[in-house]
Amino acid sequence: MNGHTIVLVQPLKNKATRTYADYETLAEALDGVCQIYETRLKQDNPQFRNITYDITDLLTFLDNIADLSCLVWSDDIRAYKPFGKEWIKQKVYQHLRKQCG
């Protein structure tokens, strides 16, 4: 499963913070999820030019998001399949491990 993916994010409990982003592939969507964290790090630490983090930091950040889910296109059923935060965290972990070799 690596089709068009829509990431749904509600960073705070306030429903007005809901947003979404769509990506051509699941891999791009997982990069996008990581980028949400990286953007937050840059906002919280503008004095630092380079910021490093590990997977534990990223997963903790994702745990603290009020709501995170995604819809992944499946050619098999010709529809989007919904997935929740825990699934996304597992896929992000696998995706980053794959990138590290």
N, C-alpha and C. Protein backbone atom coordinates (compact mmCIF):
# COMPACT_ATOMS: atom_id res chain seq x y z
N MET A 1 0.85 -1.17 0.00
CA MET A 1 0.00 0.00 0.00
C MET A 1 0.90 1.24 0.00
N ASN A 2 0.86 1.98 -1.08
CA ASN A 2 1.70 3.16 -1.18
C ASN A 2 1.03 4.20 -2.07
N GLY A 3 -0.28 4.29 -1.99
CA GLY A 3 -1.01 5.21 -2.85
C GLY A 3 -1.14 6.59 -2.27
N HIS A 4 -1.94 7.38 -2.93
CA HIS A 4 -2.23 8.74 -2.48
C HIS A 4 -2.64 8.70 -1.02
N THR A 5 -2.10 9.63 -0.23
CA THR A 5 -2.34 9.62 1.22
C THR A 5 -2.73 11.00 1.69
N ILE A 6 -3.75 11.04 2.53
CA ILE A 6 -4.21 12.28 3.16
C ILE A 6 -3.92 12.17 4.65
N VAL A 7 -3.15 13.11 5.18
CA VAL A 7 -2.84 13.14 6.60
C VAL A 7 -3.75 14.17 7.27
N LEU A 8 -4.45 13.74 8.30
CA LEU A 8 -5.36 14.59 9.06
C LEU A 8 -4.74 14.87 10.42
N VAL A 9 -4.58 16.15 10.75
CA VAL A 9 -3.89 16.53 11.98
C VAL A 9 -4.72 17.53 12.76
N GLN A 10 -4.85 17.27 14.04
CA GLN A 10 -5.42 18.24 14.97
C GLN A 10 -4.42 18.37 16.11
N PRO A 11 -3.52 19.36 16.03
CA PRO A 11 -2.43 19.45 17.01
C PRO A 11 -2.90 19.71 18.45
N LEU A 12 -3.99 20.46 18.60
CA LEU A 12 -4.50 20.82 19.93
C LEU A 12 -5.91 20.28 20.11
N LYS A 13 -6.41 20.33 21.32
CA LYS A 13 -7.78 19.86 21.58
C LYS A 13 -8.82 20.72 20.88
N ASN A 14 -8.47 21.96 20.61
CA ASN A 14 -9.37 22.89 19.92
C ASN A 14 -9.60 22.40 18.49
N LYS A 15 -10.85 22.11 18.15
CA LYS A 15 -11.16 21.59 16.82
C LYS A 15 -10.82 22.57 15.71
N ALA A 16 -10.67 23.84 16.04
CA ALA A 16 -10.31 24.84 15.03
C ALA A 16 -8.88 24.66 14.52
N THR A 17 -8.09 23.82 15.20
CA THR A 17 -6.71 23.58 14.76
C THR A 17 -6.60 22.44 13.75
N ARG A 18 -7.72 21.87 13.37
CA ARG A 18 -7.70 20.76 12.40
C ARG A 18 -7.17 21.23 11.05
N THR A 19 -6.37 20.36 10.44
CA THR A 19 -5.86 20.64 9.11
C THR A 19 -5.57 19.31 8.42
N TYR A 20 -5.23 19.39 7.16
CA TYR A 20 -4.86 18.18 6.44
C TYR A 20 -3.82 18.51 5.39
N ALA A 21 -3.15 17.48 4.92
CA ALA A 21 -2.20 17.61 3.81
C ALA A 21 -2.31 16.34 2.99
N ASP A 22 -2.18 16.48 1.68
CA ASP A 22 -2.23 15.27 0.87
C ASP A 22 -0.90 15.07 0.14
N TYR A 23 -0.59 13.81 -0.09
CA TYR A 23 0.69 13.41 -0.67
C TYR A 23 0.45 12.34 -1.72
N GLU A 24 1.32 12.27 -2.68
CA GLU A 24 1.18 11.28 -3.75
C GLU A 24 1.43 9.85 -3.27
N THR A 25 2.29 9.70 -2.25
CA THR A 25 2.62 8.36 -1.75
C THR A 25 2.61 8.36 -0.23
N LEU A 26 2.54 7.16 0.34
CA LEU A 26 2.63 7.02 1.79
C LEU A 26 3.99 7.49 2.28
N ALA A 27 5.06 7.17 1.56
CA ALA A 27 6.40 7.59 1.96
C ALA A 27 6.49 9.11 2.07
N GLU A 28 5.92 9.82 1.11
CA GLU A 28 5.91 11.29 1.17
C GLU A 28 5.11 11.76 2.38
N ALA A 29 4.01 11.09 2.68
CA ALA A 29 3.19 11.46 3.83
C ALA A 29 3.96 11.27 5.13
N LEU A 30 4.71 10.18 5.23
CA LEU A 30 5.50 9.93 6.43
C LEU A 30 6.59 10.99 6.59
N ASP A 31 7.20 11.40 5.49
CA ASP A 31 8.15 12.52 5.54
C ASP A 31 7.44 13.79 6.01
N GLY A 32 6.21 13.98 5.55
CA GLY A 32 5.42 15.14 5.96
C GLY A 32 5.13 15.14 7.44
N VAL A 33 4.85 13.98 8.01
CA VAL A 33 4.61 13.86 9.45
C VAL A 33 5.88 14.26 10.20
N CYS A 34 7.03 13.80 9.74
CA CYS A 34 8.30 14.18 10.36
C CYS A 34 8.52 15.69 10.25
N GLN A 35 8.13 16.24 9.12
CA GLN A 35 8.32 17.67 8.89
C GLN A 35 7.46 18.50 9.85
N ILE A 36 6.31 18.00 10.24
CA ILE A 36 5.48 18.70 11.23
C ILE A 36 6.28 18.89 12.51
N TYR A 37 6.96 17.83 12.94
CA TYR A 37 7.78 17.90 14.15
C TYR A 37 8.96 18.84 13.96
N GLU A 38 9.63 18.73 12.83
CA GLU A 38 10.79 19.58 12.57
C GLU A 38 10.41 21.05 12.54
N THR A 39 9.25 21.36 11.98
CA THR A 39 8.76 22.74 11.96
C THR A 39 8.52 23.23 13.38
N ARG A 40 7.93 22.38 14.21
CA ARG A 40 7.67 22.74 15.60
C ARG A 40 8.98 22.99 16.34
N LEU A 41 9.98 22.12 16.10
CA LEU A 41 11.28 22.31 16.74
C LEU A 41 11.89 23.66 16.36
N LYS A 42 11.81 24.01 15.09
CA LYS A 42 12.36 25.29 14.63
C LYS A 42 11.63 26.46 15.25
N GLN A 43 10.30 26.34 15.40
CA GLN A 43 9.52 27.42 16.02
C GLN A 43 9.89 27.58 17.50
N ASP A 44 10.08 26.45 18.17
CA ASP A 44 10.39 26.49 19.60
C ASP A 44 11.85 26.85 19.89
N ASN A 45 12.73 26.71 18.90
CA ASN A 45 14.16 26.94 19.10
C ASN A 45 14.76 27.78 17.97
N PRO A 46 14.26 29.01 17.78
CA PRO A 46 14.73 29.81 16.64
C PRO A 46 16.20 30.21 16.75
N GLN A 47 16.77 30.13 17.94
CA GLN A 47 18.16 30.52 18.13
C GLN A 47 19.15 29.48 17.60
N PHE A 48 18.67 28.27 17.33
CA PHE A 48 19.55 27.21 16.85
C PHE A 48 19.45 27.05 15.34
N ARG A 49 20.60 26.98 14.71
CA ARG A 49 20.64 26.81 13.25
C ARG A 49 20.39 25.35 12.86
N ASN A 50 21.01 24.44 13.62
CA ASN A 50 20.85 23.01 13.39
C ASN A 50 20.26 22.37 14.63
N ILE A 51 19.24 21.57 14.42
CA ILE A 51 18.58 20.88 15.52
C ILE A 51 18.56 19.39 15.21
N THR A 52 18.97 18.60 16.17
CA THR A 52 18.92 17.15 15.99
C THR A 52 17.91 16.57 16.97
N TYR A 53 17.37 15.42 16.61
CA TYR A 53 16.43 14.72 17.47
C TYR A 53 16.52 13.24 17.18
N ASP A 54 16.00 12.45 18.09
CA ASP A 54 15.97 11.01 17.83
C ASP A 54 14.52 10.55 17.71
N ILE A 55 14.35 9.29 17.37
CA ILE A 55 13.02 8.76 17.10
C ILE A 55 12.12 8.84 18.33
N THR A 56 12.71 8.70 19.52
CA THR A 56 11.91 8.78 20.74
C THR A 56 11.28 10.16 20.89
N ASP A 57 12.04 11.21 20.56
CA ASP A 57 11.51 12.58 20.62
C ASP A 57 10.33 12.74 19.65
N LEU A 58 10.51 12.23 18.46
CA LEU A 58 9.47 12.33 17.44
C LEU A 58 8.21 11.58 17.87
N LEU A 59 8.36 10.36 18.35
CA LEU A 59 7.20 9.56 18.76
C LEU A 59 6.49 10.18 19.96
N THR A 60 7.23 10.77 20.87
CA THR A 60 6.62 11.47 22.01
C THR A 60 5.81 12.66 21.52
N PHE A 61 6.36 13.40 20.57
CA PHE A 61 5.63 14.52 19.98
C PHE A 61 4.33 14.04 19.35
N LEU A 62 4.40 12.96 18.59
CA LEU A 62 3.20 12.43 17.94
C LEU A 62 2.17 11.97 18.98
N ASP A 63 2.63 11.40 20.08
CA ASP A 63 1.72 11.00 21.16
C ASP A 63 0.95 12.19 21.71
N ASN A 64 1.60 13.35 21.73
CA ASN A 64 0.99 14.54 22.32
C ASN A 64 0.10 15.33 21.37
N ILE A 65 0.06 14.93 20.11
CA ILE A 65 -0.87 15.57 19.18
C ILE A 65 -2.28 15.10 19.53
N ALA A 66 -3.23 16.03 19.58
CA ALA A 66 -4.59 15.68 19.98
C ALA A 66 -5.19 14.59 19.09
N ASP A 67 -5.01 14.73 17.77
CA ASP A 67 -5.54 13.72 16.86
C ASP A 67 -4.68 13.67 15.60
N LEU A 68 -4.36 12.47 15.18
CA LEU A 68 -3.55 12.25 13.99
C LEU A 68 -4.04 10.98 13.32
N SER A 69 -4.38 11.08 12.06
CA SER A 69 -4.81 9.90 11.31
C SER A 69 -4.49 10.13 9.84
N CYS A 70 -4.69 9.09 9.06
CA CYS A 70 -4.47 9.24 7.62
C CYS A 70 -5.41 8.33 6.84
N LEU A 71 -5.58 8.68 5.61
CA LEU A 71 -6.36 7.90 4.66
C LEU A 71 -5.42 7.54 3.52
N VAL A 72 -5.27 6.25 3.26
CA VAL A 72 -4.35 5.78 2.23
C VAL A 72 -5.16 5.08 1.14
N TRP A 73 -4.96 5.53 -0.09
CA TRP A 73 -5.68 4.94 -1.22
C TRP A 73 -5.25 3.50 -1.43
N SER A 74 -6.24 2.65 -1.61
CA SER A 74 -6.00 1.23 -1.88
C SER A 74 -6.63 0.88 -3.21
N ASP A 75 -5.81 0.47 -4.16
CA ASP A 75 -6.34 0.05 -5.46
C ASP A 75 -7.21 -1.19 -5.33
N ASP A 76 -6.89 -2.04 -4.34
CA ASP A 76 -7.64 -3.28 -4.15
C ASP A 76 -9.13 -3.04 -3.93
N ILE A 77 -9.44 -2.06 -3.11
CA ILE A 77 -10.84 -1.79 -2.80
C ILE A 77 -11.35 -0.52 -3.46
N ARG A 78 -10.45 0.15 -4.20
CA ARG A 78 -10.78 1.40 -4.89
C ARG A 78 -11.42 2.42 -3.94
N ALA A 79 -10.75 2.56 -2.78
CA ALA A 79 -11.20 3.51 -1.76
C ALA A 79 -10.04 3.79 -0.82
N TYR A 80 -10.24 4.78 0.04
CA TYR A 80 -9.23 5.11 1.04
C TYR A 80 -9.44 4.24 2.28
N LYS A 81 -8.33 3.76 2.84
CA LYS A 81 -8.35 3.00 4.09
C LYS A 81 -7.91 3.95 5.20
N PRO A 82 -8.65 4.00 6.30
CA PRO A 82 -8.27 4.87 7.42
C PRO A 82 -7.29 4.18 8.37
N PHE A 83 -6.36 4.97 8.90
CA PHE A 83 -5.40 4.48 9.87
C PHE A 83 -5.20 5.53 10.96
N GLY A 84 -4.98 5.06 12.18
CA GLY A 84 -4.84 5.95 13.33
C GLY A 84 -3.41 6.25 13.70
N LYS A 85 -3.29 6.94 14.81
CA LYS A 85 -2.00 7.43 15.29
C LYS A 85 -0.98 6.31 15.51
N GLU A 86 -1.38 5.21 16.15
CA GLU A 86 -0.42 4.14 16.43
C GLU A 86 0.13 3.53 15.15
N TRP A 87 -0.72 3.35 14.15
CA TRP A 87 -0.27 2.83 12.85
C TRP A 87 0.72 3.79 12.21
N ILE A 88 0.41 5.07 12.27
CA ILE A 88 1.29 6.09 11.69
C ILE A 88 2.65 6.06 12.39
N LYS A 89 2.64 5.96 13.72
CA LYS A 89 3.90 5.91 14.46
C LYS A 89 4.73 4.70 14.05
N GLN A 90 4.09 3.55 13.89
CA GLN A 90 4.82 2.36 13.44
C GLN A 90 5.42 2.57 12.05
N LYS A 91 4.63 3.16 11.16
CA LYS A 91 5.11 3.38 9.79
C LYS A 91 6.22 4.42 9.75
N VAL A 92 6.13 5.47 10.56
CA VAL A 92 7.20 6.47 10.64
C VAL A 92 8.48 5.81 11.12
N TYR A 93 8.38 4.99 12.15
CA TYR A 93 9.55 4.28 12.67
C TYR A 93 10.18 3.42 11.59
N GLN A 94 9.38 2.62 10.90
CA GLN A 94 9.89 1.76 9.83
C GLN A 94 10.50 2.58 8.70
N HIS A 95 9.85 3.67 8.36
CA HIS A 95 10.30 4.55 7.27
C HIS A 95 11.68 5.14 7.59
N LEU A 96 11.85 5.62 8.81
CA LEU A 96 13.13 6.22 9.21
C LEU A 96 14.23 5.16 9.31
N ARG A 97 13.90 3.98 9.81
CA ARG A 97 14.90 2.90 9.86
C ARG A 97 15.36 2.53 8.48
N LYS A 98 14.43 2.50 7.55
CA LYS A 98 14.75 2.17 6.16
C LYS A 98 15.69 3.22 5.56
N GLN A 99 15.46 4.49 5.89
CA GLN A 99 16.30 5.57 5.38
C GLN A 99 17.71 5.50 5.95
N CYS A 100 17.82 5.04 7.19
CA CYS A 100 19.14 4.94 7.83
C CYS A 100 19.94 3.75 7.35
N GLY A 101 19.28 2.83 6.68
CA GLY A 101 19.98 1.67 6.14
C GLY A 101 19.96 0.56 7.09
